[in-house]
Amino acid sequence: MTNLLITGLPRSGKTTLINKILKVGSIGKKANGFFTEEFRKEGKRIGFHIITVPEGRKGLLSQKGLPSPYCVGRYGVNIDVLEELGCQAILQARGTKNIIIVDEIGKMELFSEKFRTTLIDALNSPQKVLATIMERPNAFADGIKKRPDVRLLSLTRENFRDVFDEVLNWLDK
């Protein structure tokens, strides 16, 4: 299986899992892609950054009140930054032996046709793809979950350690 996807409810620890995996031994050194990180003001979440792996380039993915034709709830989504940083990071991994990291395949990211195309290309490649994916129903995401080359793990706070160990074992193979 070349593609391992982690699903779970919002705030179940999907991004935390990706970040912990990237800090294990040499995994972070042989990974390309991106993860998302929330940012807060006065203790309240107001948006998300996208951060590339391994370079650490950071951009504004979404923010409450951000003017954009693409919105998820009150969050305006910055598709240009997703495509410039996220898609480019995935494309840089192609042709290497690096693991491709995609955090996350969610409503915000799926607004971008370029992201969807880049993602499918990565999933079709012989490289390992470790990604997080929305749990809620979505036609595109549900199609990815049903691919025969995808293994889907459901993450909860209670099974975090077991899923973490399972991901490490998969990466070692």
N, C-alpha and C. Protein backbone atom coordinates (compact mmCIF):
# COMPACT_ATOMS: atom_id res chain seq x y z
N MET A 1 0.84 -1.18 0.00
CA MET A 1 0.00 0.00 0.00
C MET A 1 0.89 1.25 0.00
N THR A 2 0.73 2.11 -1.01
CA THR A 2 1.59 3.29 -1.10
C THR A 2 0.96 4.53 -0.51
N ASN A 3 -0.33 4.49 -0.18
CA ASN A 3 -1.01 5.68 0.32
C ASN A 3 -1.70 5.38 1.66
N LEU A 4 -1.32 6.13 2.67
CA LEU A 4 -1.92 5.97 4.00
C LEU A 4 -2.59 7.28 4.37
N LEU A 5 -3.89 7.21 4.60
CA LEU A 5 -4.67 8.40 4.93
C LEU A 5 -5.21 8.28 6.34
N ILE A 6 -5.12 9.39 7.06
CA ILE A 6 -5.62 9.48 8.42
C ILE A 6 -6.87 10.35 8.40
N THR A 7 -7.95 9.81 8.93
CA THR A 7 -9.19 10.58 9.01
C THR A 7 -9.59 10.70 10.48
N GLY A 8 -10.51 11.57 10.74
CA GLY A 8 -11.00 11.78 12.10
C GLY A 8 -11.76 13.08 12.17
N LEU A 9 -12.49 13.22 13.22
CA LEU A 9 -13.26 14.45 13.42
C LEU A 9 -12.31 15.64 13.59
N PRO A 10 -12.79 16.86 13.35
CA PRO A 10 -11.96 18.03 13.64
C PRO A 10 -11.47 17.98 15.10
N ARG A 11 -10.22 18.36 15.27
CA ARG A 11 -9.57 18.43 16.58
C ARG A 11 -9.27 17.04 17.18
N SER A 12 -9.26 16.01 16.34
CA SER A 12 -8.94 14.66 16.83
C SER A 12 -7.43 14.42 16.91
N GLY A 13 -6.63 15.32 16.34
CA GLY A 13 -5.18 15.18 16.43
C GLY A 13 -4.49 14.82 15.13
N LYS A 14 -5.15 14.99 14.00
CA LYS A 14 -4.57 14.60 12.72
C LYS A 14 -3.27 15.37 12.43
N THR A 15 -3.32 16.68 12.55
CA THR A 15 -2.12 17.48 12.30
C THR A 15 -1.06 17.22 13.35
N THR A 16 -1.46 17.05 14.59
CA THR A 16 -0.50 16.71 15.65
C THR A 16 0.22 15.41 15.32
N LEU A 17 -0.51 14.43 14.82
CA LEU A 17 0.08 13.15 14.42
C LEU A 17 1.12 13.37 13.33
N ILE A 18 0.77 14.13 12.29
CA ILE A 18 1.72 14.40 11.20
C ILE A 18 2.98 15.06 11.75
N ASN A 19 2.81 16.06 12.61
CA ASN A 19 3.97 16.77 13.15
C ASN A 19 4.85 15.86 13.99
N LYS A 20 4.26 14.98 14.77
CA LYS A 20 5.05 14.05 15.59
C LYS A 20 5.79 13.05 14.70
N ILE A 21 5.15 12.60 13.64
CA ILE A 21 5.79 11.68 12.70
C ILE A 21 7.01 12.35 12.05
N LEU A 22 6.84 13.61 11.66
CA LEU A 22 7.94 14.34 11.01
C LEU A 22 9.14 14.55 11.93
N LYS A 23 8.94 14.47 13.23
CA LYS A 23 10.03 14.67 14.18
C LYS A 23 10.76 13.37 14.55
N VAL A 24 10.30 12.25 14.02
CA VAL A 24 10.90 10.96 14.35
C VAL A 24 12.10 10.70 13.45
N GLY A 25 13.27 10.54 14.07
CA GLY A 25 14.47 10.16 13.34
C GLY A 25 14.67 10.92 12.06
N SER A 26 14.85 10.17 10.99
CA SER A 26 15.16 10.78 9.70
C SER A 26 13.93 11.00 8.83
N ILE A 27 12.74 10.74 9.34
CA ILE A 27 11.54 10.84 8.51
C ILE A 27 11.37 12.25 7.97
N GLY A 28 11.54 13.25 8.81
CA GLY A 28 11.39 14.63 8.36
C GLY A 28 12.38 15.01 7.28
N LYS A 29 13.53 14.36 7.26
CA LYS A 29 14.56 14.67 6.25
C LYS A 29 14.25 14.03 4.90
N LYS A 30 13.37 13.04 4.88
CA LYS A 30 13.03 12.40 3.62
C LYS A 30 11.54 12.56 3.31
N ALA A 31 11.04 13.76 3.60
CA ALA A 31 9.63 14.07 3.35
C ALA A 31 9.52 15.42 2.65
N ASN A 32 8.55 15.51 1.76
CA ASN A 32 8.18 16.76 1.11
C ASN A 32 6.68 16.90 1.21
N GLY A 33 6.21 18.12 1.25
CA GLY A 33 4.78 18.35 1.29
C GLY A 33 4.46 19.53 2.17
N PHE A 34 3.35 19.43 2.87
CA PHE A 34 2.94 20.54 3.72
C PHE A 34 2.04 20.05 4.85
N PHE A 35 1.97 20.88 5.88
CA PHE A 35 0.99 20.69 6.94
C PHE A 35 0.35 22.03 7.24
N THR A 36 -0.78 21.98 7.93
CA THR A 36 -1.47 23.20 8.29
C THR A 36 -1.33 23.44 9.79
N GLU A 37 -1.44 24.70 10.17
CA GLU A 37 -1.28 25.06 11.58
C GLU A 37 -2.26 26.19 11.88
N GLU A 38 -3.05 25.99 12.90
CA GLU A 38 -3.98 27.05 13.27
C GLU A 38 -3.22 28.16 13.99
N PHE A 39 -3.76 29.36 13.90
CA PHE A 39 -3.22 30.45 14.71
C PHE A 39 -4.37 31.14 15.42
N ARG A 40 -4.03 31.71 16.57
CA ARG A 40 -5.05 32.25 17.48
C ARG A 40 -4.77 33.70 17.83
N LYS A 41 -5.83 34.34 18.25
CA LYS A 41 -5.74 35.69 18.79
C LYS A 41 -6.62 35.71 20.02
N GLU A 42 -6.03 36.11 21.12
CA GLU A 42 -6.75 36.14 22.40
C GLU A 42 -7.41 34.81 22.71
N GLY A 43 -6.70 33.73 22.40
CA GLY A 43 -7.16 32.38 22.72
C GLY A 43 -8.17 31.78 21.76
N LYS A 44 -8.58 32.55 20.75
CA LYS A 44 -9.56 32.04 19.80
C LYS A 44 -8.91 31.81 18.44
N ARG A 45 -9.24 30.66 17.82
CA ARG A 45 -8.70 30.36 16.50
C ARG A 45 -9.26 31.35 15.49
N ILE A 46 -8.34 31.94 14.72
CA ILE A 46 -8.79 32.90 13.71
C ILE A 46 -8.35 32.51 12.30
N GLY A 47 -7.52 31.47 12.19
CA GLY A 47 -7.10 31.10 10.85
C GLY A 47 -6.12 29.95 10.84
N PHE A 48 -5.63 29.67 9.64
CA PHE A 48 -4.69 28.58 9.42
C PHE A 48 -3.55 29.02 8.51
N HIS A 49 -2.36 28.60 8.86
CA HIS A 49 -1.20 28.76 7.99
C HIS A 49 -0.94 27.44 7.29
N ILE A 50 -0.29 27.51 6.15
CA ILE A 50 0.23 26.33 5.48
C ILE A 50 1.75 26.42 5.59
N ILE A 51 2.39 25.31 5.96
CA ILE A 51 3.83 25.29 6.17
C ILE A 51 4.43 24.14 5.37
N THR A 52 5.43 24.45 4.55
CA THR A 52 6.02 23.43 3.70
C THR A 52 7.04 22.59 4.47
N VAL A 53 7.17 21.36 4.01
CA VAL A 53 8.14 20.41 4.55
C VAL A 53 9.12 20.09 3.42
N PRO A 54 10.41 20.17 3.64
CA PRO A 54 11.12 20.47 4.87
C PRO A 54 11.49 21.94 5.04
N GLU A 55 11.23 22.78 4.03
CA GLU A 55 11.74 24.16 4.05
C GLU A 55 11.17 25.03 5.17
N GLY A 56 9.92 24.80 5.53
CA GLY A 56 9.30 25.62 6.56
C GLY A 56 8.76 26.94 6.03
N ARG A 57 8.55 27.03 4.72
CA ARG A 57 7.93 28.24 4.18
C ARG A 57 6.49 28.31 4.69
N LYS A 58 6.05 29.51 5.07
CA LYS A 58 4.74 29.67 5.69
C LYS A 58 3.92 30.70 4.93
N GLY A 59 2.63 30.39 4.78
CA GLY A 59 1.72 31.33 4.14
C GLY A 59 0.34 31.26 4.78
N LEU A 60 -0.44 32.28 4.56
CA LEU A 60 -1.79 32.36 5.11
C LEU A 60 -2.74 31.54 4.23
N LEU A 61 -3.24 30.43 4.76
CA LEU A 61 -4.19 29.59 4.03
C LEU A 61 -5.61 30.13 4.19
N SER A 62 -5.98 30.49 5.40
CA SER A 62 -7.34 30.99 5.63
C SER A 62 -7.37 31.82 6.90
N GLN A 63 -8.38 32.69 6.95
CA GLN A 63 -8.55 33.52 8.14
C GLN A 63 -10.00 33.98 8.19
N LYS A 64 -10.49 34.11 9.40
CA LYS A 64 -11.84 34.65 9.58
C LYS A 64 -11.89 36.05 8.98
N GLY A 65 -12.91 36.27 8.16
CA GLY A 65 -13.11 37.58 7.57
C GLY A 65 -12.23 37.89 6.37
N LEU A 66 -11.37 36.97 5.95
CA LEU A 66 -10.51 37.20 4.79
C LEU A 66 -11.38 37.27 3.53
N PRO A 67 -11.30 38.37 2.78
CA PRO A 67 -12.10 38.46 1.56
C PRO A 67 -11.64 37.40 0.55
N SER A 68 -12.54 36.54 0.14
CA SER A 68 -12.22 35.48 -0.81
C SER A 68 -13.51 34.94 -1.40
N PRO A 69 -13.48 34.52 -2.65
CA PRO A 69 -14.67 33.86 -3.21
C PRO A 69 -14.85 32.46 -2.64
N TYR A 70 -13.84 31.96 -1.94
CA TYR A 70 -13.88 30.62 -1.37
C TYR A 70 -13.94 30.73 0.15
N CYS A 71 -15.01 30.23 0.72
CA CYS A 71 -15.19 30.33 2.17
C CYS A 71 -15.65 29.00 2.76
N VAL A 72 -15.15 28.72 3.95
CA VAL A 72 -15.63 27.61 4.76
C VAL A 72 -16.06 28.24 6.07
N GLY A 73 -17.36 28.29 6.28
CA GLY A 73 -17.88 29.01 7.43
C GLY A 73 -17.49 30.48 7.31
N ARG A 74 -16.88 31.01 8.35
CA ARG A 74 -16.46 32.41 8.34
C ARG A 74 -15.02 32.59 7.86
N TYR A 75 -14.37 31.49 7.46
CA TYR A 75 -12.99 31.53 7.02
C TYR A 75 -12.91 31.76 5.51
N GLY A 76 -12.25 32.85 5.11
CA GLY A 76 -11.92 33.05 3.71
C GLY A 76 -10.68 32.24 3.40
N VAL A 77 -10.64 31.58 2.23
CA VAL A 77 -9.54 30.69 1.87
C VAL A 77 -8.69 31.35 0.78
N ASN A 78 -7.37 31.30 0.99
CA ASN A 78 -6.40 31.87 0.06
C ASN A 78 -5.88 30.75 -0.85
N ILE A 79 -6.56 30.53 -1.97
CA ILE A 79 -6.21 29.46 -2.90
C ILE A 79 -4.82 29.68 -3.50
N ASP A 80 -4.45 30.93 -3.77
CA ASP A 80 -3.15 31.21 -4.37
C ASP A 80 -2.01 30.69 -3.50
N VAL A 81 -2.10 30.88 -2.20
CA VAL A 81 -1.05 30.42 -1.29
C VAL A 81 -1.02 28.89 -1.25
N LEU A 82 -2.18 28.26 -1.22
CA LEU A 82 -2.24 26.80 -1.26
C LEU A 82 -1.53 26.27 -2.50
N GLU A 83 -1.82 26.87 -3.64
CA GLU A 83 -1.22 26.39 -4.88
C GLU A 83 0.26 26.71 -4.96
N GLU A 84 0.64 27.90 -4.51
CA GLU A 84 2.05 28.30 -4.57
C GLU A 84 2.92 27.48 -3.62
N LEU A 85 2.45 27.28 -2.40
CA LEU A 85 3.26 26.56 -1.41
C LEU A 85 2.94 25.07 -1.38
N GLY A 86 1.67 24.73 -1.19
CA GLY A 86 1.29 23.33 -1.00
C GLY A 86 1.50 22.48 -2.24
N CYS A 87 0.94 22.92 -3.35
CA CYS A 87 1.08 22.14 -4.59
C CYS A 87 2.53 22.06 -5.01
N GLN A 88 3.25 23.17 -4.91
CA GLN A 88 4.66 23.18 -5.28
C GLN A 88 5.46 22.21 -4.41
N ALA A 89 5.17 22.13 -3.14
CA ALA A 89 5.89 21.21 -2.24
C ALA A 89 5.63 19.75 -2.63
N ILE A 90 4.40 19.45 -3.02
CA ILE A 90 4.08 18.09 -3.46
C ILE A 90 4.81 17.79 -4.76
N LEU A 91 4.80 18.73 -5.69
CA LEU A 91 5.46 18.54 -6.98
C LEU A 91 6.97 18.35 -6.83
N GLN A 92 7.56 19.04 -5.86
CA GLN A 92 9.00 18.90 -5.63
C GLN A 92 9.39 17.48 -5.21
N ALA A 93 8.47 16.78 -4.58
CA ALA A 93 8.75 15.42 -4.12
C ALA A 93 8.74 14.42 -5.28
N ARG A 94 8.02 14.73 -6.35
CA ARG A 94 7.90 13.80 -7.46
C ARG A 94 9.27 13.50 -8.04
N GLY A 95 9.53 12.24 -8.29
CA GLY A 95 10.81 11.85 -8.86
C GLY A 95 11.89 11.62 -7.82
N THR A 96 11.56 11.82 -6.55
CA THR A 96 12.51 11.53 -5.48
C THR A 96 12.02 10.26 -4.77
N LYS A 97 12.73 9.87 -3.76
CA LYS A 97 12.28 8.74 -2.95
C LYS A 97 11.62 9.23 -1.67
N ASN A 98 11.33 10.50 -1.62
CA ASN A 98 10.77 11.10 -0.43
C ASN A 98 9.31 10.72 -0.23
N ILE A 99 8.90 10.74 1.03
CA ILE A 99 7.51 10.55 1.41
C ILE A 99 6.79 11.86 1.12
N ILE A 100 5.59 11.78 0.59
CA ILE A 100 4.80 12.97 0.31
C ILE A 100 3.81 13.17 1.46
N ILE A 101 3.88 14.33 2.08
CA ILE A 101 3.02 14.68 3.21
C ILE A 101 1.95 15.68 2.74
N VAL A 102 0.68 15.36 3.01
CA VAL A 102 -0.42 16.26 2.65
C VAL A 102 -1.35 16.38 3.86
N ASP A 103 -1.28 17.54 4.51
CA ASP A 103 -2.16 17.80 5.65
C ASP A 103 -2.88 19.12 5.39
N GLU A 104 -3.94 19.13 4.75
CA GLU A 104 -4.96 18.11 4.81
C GLU A 104 -5.73 18.11 3.51
N ILE A 105 -6.46 17.04 3.26
CA ILE A 105 -7.40 16.97 2.15
C ILE A 105 -8.75 17.31 2.76
N GLY A 106 -9.10 18.59 2.69
CA GLY A 106 -10.31 19.07 3.35
C GLY A 106 -11.04 20.08 2.48
N LYS A 107 -12.10 20.63 3.02
CA LYS A 107 -12.95 21.56 2.26
C LYS A 107 -12.15 22.73 1.69
N MET A 108 -11.27 23.30 2.49
CA MET A 108 -10.51 24.47 2.03
C MET A 108 -9.64 24.12 0.84
N GLU A 109 -8.92 23.02 0.94
CA GLU A 109 -7.99 22.62 -0.11
C GLU A 109 -8.72 22.18 -1.38
N LEU A 110 -9.87 21.57 -1.21
CA LEU A 110 -10.59 21.01 -2.37
C LEU A 110 -11.23 22.07 -3.25
N PHE A 111 -11.21 23.33 -2.84
CA PHE A 111 -11.65 24.41 -3.74
C PHE A 111 -10.73 24.52 -4.95
N SER A 112 -9.48 24.09 -4.79
CA SER A 112 -8.46 24.26 -5.82
C SER A 112 -8.40 23.06 -6.76
N GLU A 113 -8.66 23.32 -8.03
CA GLU A 113 -8.54 22.27 -9.06
C GLU A 113 -7.08 21.83 -9.18
N LYS A 114 -6.16 22.77 -9.08
CA LYS A 114 -4.73 22.43 -9.16
C LYS A 114 -4.35 21.50 -8.01
N PHE A 115 -4.86 21.77 -6.81
CA PHE A 115 -4.57 20.89 -5.68
C PHE A 115 -5.11 19.49 -5.94
N ARG A 116 -6.34 19.39 -6.40
CA ARG A 116 -6.94 18.07 -6.66
C ARG A 116 -6.14 17.30 -7.70
N THR A 117 -5.73 17.97 -8.76
CA THR A 117 -4.93 17.32 -9.81
C THR A 117 -3.57 16.89 -9.27
N THR A 118 -2.92 17.77 -8.52
CA THR A 118 -1.60 17.46 -7.94
C THR A 118 -1.70 16.30 -6.95
N LEU A 119 -2.76 16.29 -6.17
CA LEU A 119 -2.98 15.22 -5.21
C LEU A 119 -3.17 13.88 -5.91
N ILE A 120 -4.01 13.83 -6.93
CA ILE A 120 -4.25 12.58 -7.65
C ILE A 120 -2.95 12.08 -8.28
N ASP A 121 -2.16 12.99 -8.83
CA ASP A 121 -0.86 12.61 -9.41
C ASP A 121 0.03 11.98 -8.34
N ALA A 122 0.05 12.57 -7.16
CA ALA A 122 0.87 12.02 -6.06
C ALA A 122 0.35 10.64 -5.63
N LEU A 123 -0.96 10.50 -5.50
CA LEU A 123 -1.54 9.22 -5.09
C LEU A 123 -1.29 8.13 -6.14
N ASN A 124 -1.20 8.52 -7.41
CA ASN A 124 -0.94 7.56 -8.48
C ASN A 124 0.53 7.20 -8.61
N SER A 125 1.40 7.91 -7.94
CA SER A 125 2.84 7.68 -8.05
C SER A 125 3.24 6.47 -7.20
N PRO A 126 4.45 5.96 -7.44
CA PRO A 126 4.94 4.85 -6.61
C PRO A 126 5.44 5.30 -5.23
N GLN A 127 5.47 6.61 -4.99
CA GLN A 127 5.95 7.13 -3.71
C GLN A 127 4.90 6.96 -2.63
N LYS A 128 5.36 6.85 -1.40
CA LYS A 128 4.44 6.79 -0.28
C LYS A 128 3.84 8.16 -0.04
N VAL A 129 2.52 8.19 0.15
CA VAL A 129 1.82 9.42 0.50
C VAL A 129 1.18 9.22 1.87
N LEU A 130 1.53 10.11 2.79
CA LEU A 130 0.91 10.14 4.10
C LEU A 130 0.09 11.42 4.15
N ALA A 131 -1.23 11.27 4.31
CA ALA A 131 -2.10 12.44 4.26
C ALA A 131 -3.18 12.34 5.33
N THR A 132 -3.72 13.50 5.66
CA THR A 132 -4.93 13.54 6.49
C THR A 132 -6.08 13.93 5.56
N ILE A 133 -7.26 13.41 5.89
CA ILE A 133 -8.42 13.64 5.03
C ILE A 133 -9.66 13.85 5.88
N MET A 134 -10.51 14.72 5.41
CA MET A 134 -11.74 15.04 6.14
C MET A 134 -12.58 13.79 6.34
N GLU A 135 -13.24 13.72 7.48
CA GLU A 135 -14.09 12.57 7.77
C GLU A 135 -15.49 12.75 7.20
N ARG A 136 -15.97 13.97 7.19
CA ARG A 136 -17.33 14.24 6.73
C ARG A 136 -17.48 13.90 5.25
N PRO A 137 -18.70 13.59 4.83
CA PRO A 137 -18.94 13.21 3.43
C PRO A 137 -18.58 14.34 2.45
N ASN A 138 -17.89 13.96 1.39
CA ASN A 138 -17.53 14.85 0.30
C ASN A 138 -17.23 13.94 -0.89
N ALA A 139 -17.84 14.21 -2.02
CA ALA A 139 -17.73 13.30 -3.16
C ALA A 139 -16.27 13.04 -3.55
N PHE A 140 -15.46 14.09 -3.66
CA PHE A 140 -14.06 13.92 -4.06
C PHE A 140 -13.28 13.14 -3.00
N ALA A 141 -13.39 13.58 -1.75
CA ALA A 141 -12.67 12.92 -0.66
C ALA A 141 -13.13 11.47 -0.48
N ASP A 142 -14.42 11.23 -0.61
CA ASP A 142 -14.93 9.86 -0.46
C ASP A 142 -14.39 8.96 -1.56
N GLY A 143 -14.23 9.50 -2.77
CA GLY A 143 -13.64 8.73 -3.86
C GLY A 143 -12.21 8.34 -3.56
N ILE A 144 -11.45 9.25 -2.97
CA ILE A 144 -10.06 8.95 -2.60
C ILE A 144 -10.03 7.86 -1.53
N LYS A 145 -10.90 7.95 -0.55
CA LYS A 145 -10.93 6.97 0.53
C LYS A 145 -11.22 5.56 0.01
N LYS A 146 -11.93 5.46 -1.09
CA LYS A 146 -12.32 4.15 -1.63
C LYS A 146 -11.32 3.57 -2.61
N ARG A 147 -10.24 4.29 -2.90
CA ARG A 147 -9.24 3.78 -3.84
C ARG A 147 -8.63 2.48 -3.31
N PRO A 148 -8.35 1.54 -4.21
CA PRO A 148 -7.75 0.27 -3.75
C PRO A 148 -6.32 0.42 -3.24
N ASP A 149 -5.64 1.51 -3.59
CA ASP A 149 -4.26 1.71 -3.13
C ASP A 149 -4.18 2.60 -1.89
N VAL A 150 -5.31 2.78 -1.21
CA VAL A 150 -5.38 3.61 -0.02
C VAL A 150 -5.72 2.76 1.20
N ARG A 151 -4.97 2.99 2.24
CA ARG A 151 -5.32 2.44 3.56
C ARG A 151 -5.78 3.61 4.41
N LEU A 152 -6.94 3.47 5.01
CA LEU A 152 -7.55 4.55 5.78
C LEU A 152 -7.56 4.17 7.26
N LEU A 153 -6.99 5.05 8.08
CA LEU A 153 -7.00 4.85 9.53
C LEU A 153 -7.82 5.97 10.16
N SER A 154 -8.68 5.60 11.09
CA SER A 154 -9.51 6.58 11.78
C SER A 154 -8.86 6.92 13.12
N LEU A 155 -8.60 8.21 13.32
CA LEU A 155 -7.91 8.69 14.51
C LEU A 155 -8.89 9.28 15.52
N THR A 156 -8.69 8.91 16.78
CA THR A 156 -9.41 9.52 17.90
C THR A 156 -8.36 9.88 18.95
N ARG A 157 -8.75 10.63 19.91
CA ARG A 157 -7.80 10.94 20.99
C ARG A 157 -7.42 9.68 21.76
N GLU A 158 -8.35 8.74 21.83
CA GLU A 158 -8.10 7.50 22.58
C GLU A 158 -7.14 6.55 21.86
N ASN A 159 -7.12 6.55 20.53
CA ASN A 159 -6.26 5.60 19.82
C ASN A 159 -5.03 6.27 19.19
N PHE A 160 -4.72 7.50 19.61
CA PHE A 160 -3.63 8.26 19.02
C PHE A 160 -2.32 7.46 18.99
N ARG A 161 -1.95 6.89 20.12
CA ARG A 161 -0.67 6.17 20.21
C ARG A 161 -0.65 4.95 19.28
N ASP A 162 -1.76 4.22 19.21
CA ASP A 162 -1.84 3.05 18.33
C ASP A 162 -1.71 3.45 16.86
N VAL A 163 -2.39 4.52 16.47
CA VAL A 163 -2.31 4.98 15.08
C VAL A 163 -0.90 5.50 14.78
N PHE A 164 -0.31 6.22 15.72
CA PHE A 164 1.06 6.71 15.57
C PHE A 164 2.01 5.54 15.30
N ASP A 165 1.91 4.50 16.12
CA ASP A 165 2.77 3.32 15.94
C ASP A 165 2.52 2.64 14.59
N GLU A 166 1.27 2.59 14.19
CA GLU A 166 0.92 1.96 12.92
C GLU A 166 1.51 2.75 11.74
N VAL A 167 1.48 4.06 11.82
CA VAL A 167 2.07 4.89 10.77
C VAL A 167 3.57 4.68 10.72
N LEU A 168 4.22 4.66 11.87
CA LEU A 168 5.67 4.42 11.90
C LEU A 168 6.02 3.07 11.29
N ASN A 169 5.27 2.04 11.62
CA ASN A 169 5.51 0.72 11.04
C ASN A 169 5.36 0.74 9.53
N TRP A 170 4.34 1.43 9.03
CA TRP A 170 4.11 1.53 7.59
C TRP A 170 5.28 2.25 6.92
N LEU A 171 5.77 3.31 7.55
CA LEU A 171 6.89 4.06 6.97
C LEU A 171 8.18 3.24 6.95
N ASP A 172 8.34 2.34 7.91
CA ASP A 172 9.55 1.51 7.97
C ASP A 172 9.58 0.42 6.90
N LYS A 173 8.43 0.09 6.34
CA LYS A 173 8.39 -0.99 5.35
C LYS A 173 8.88 -0.51 4.00
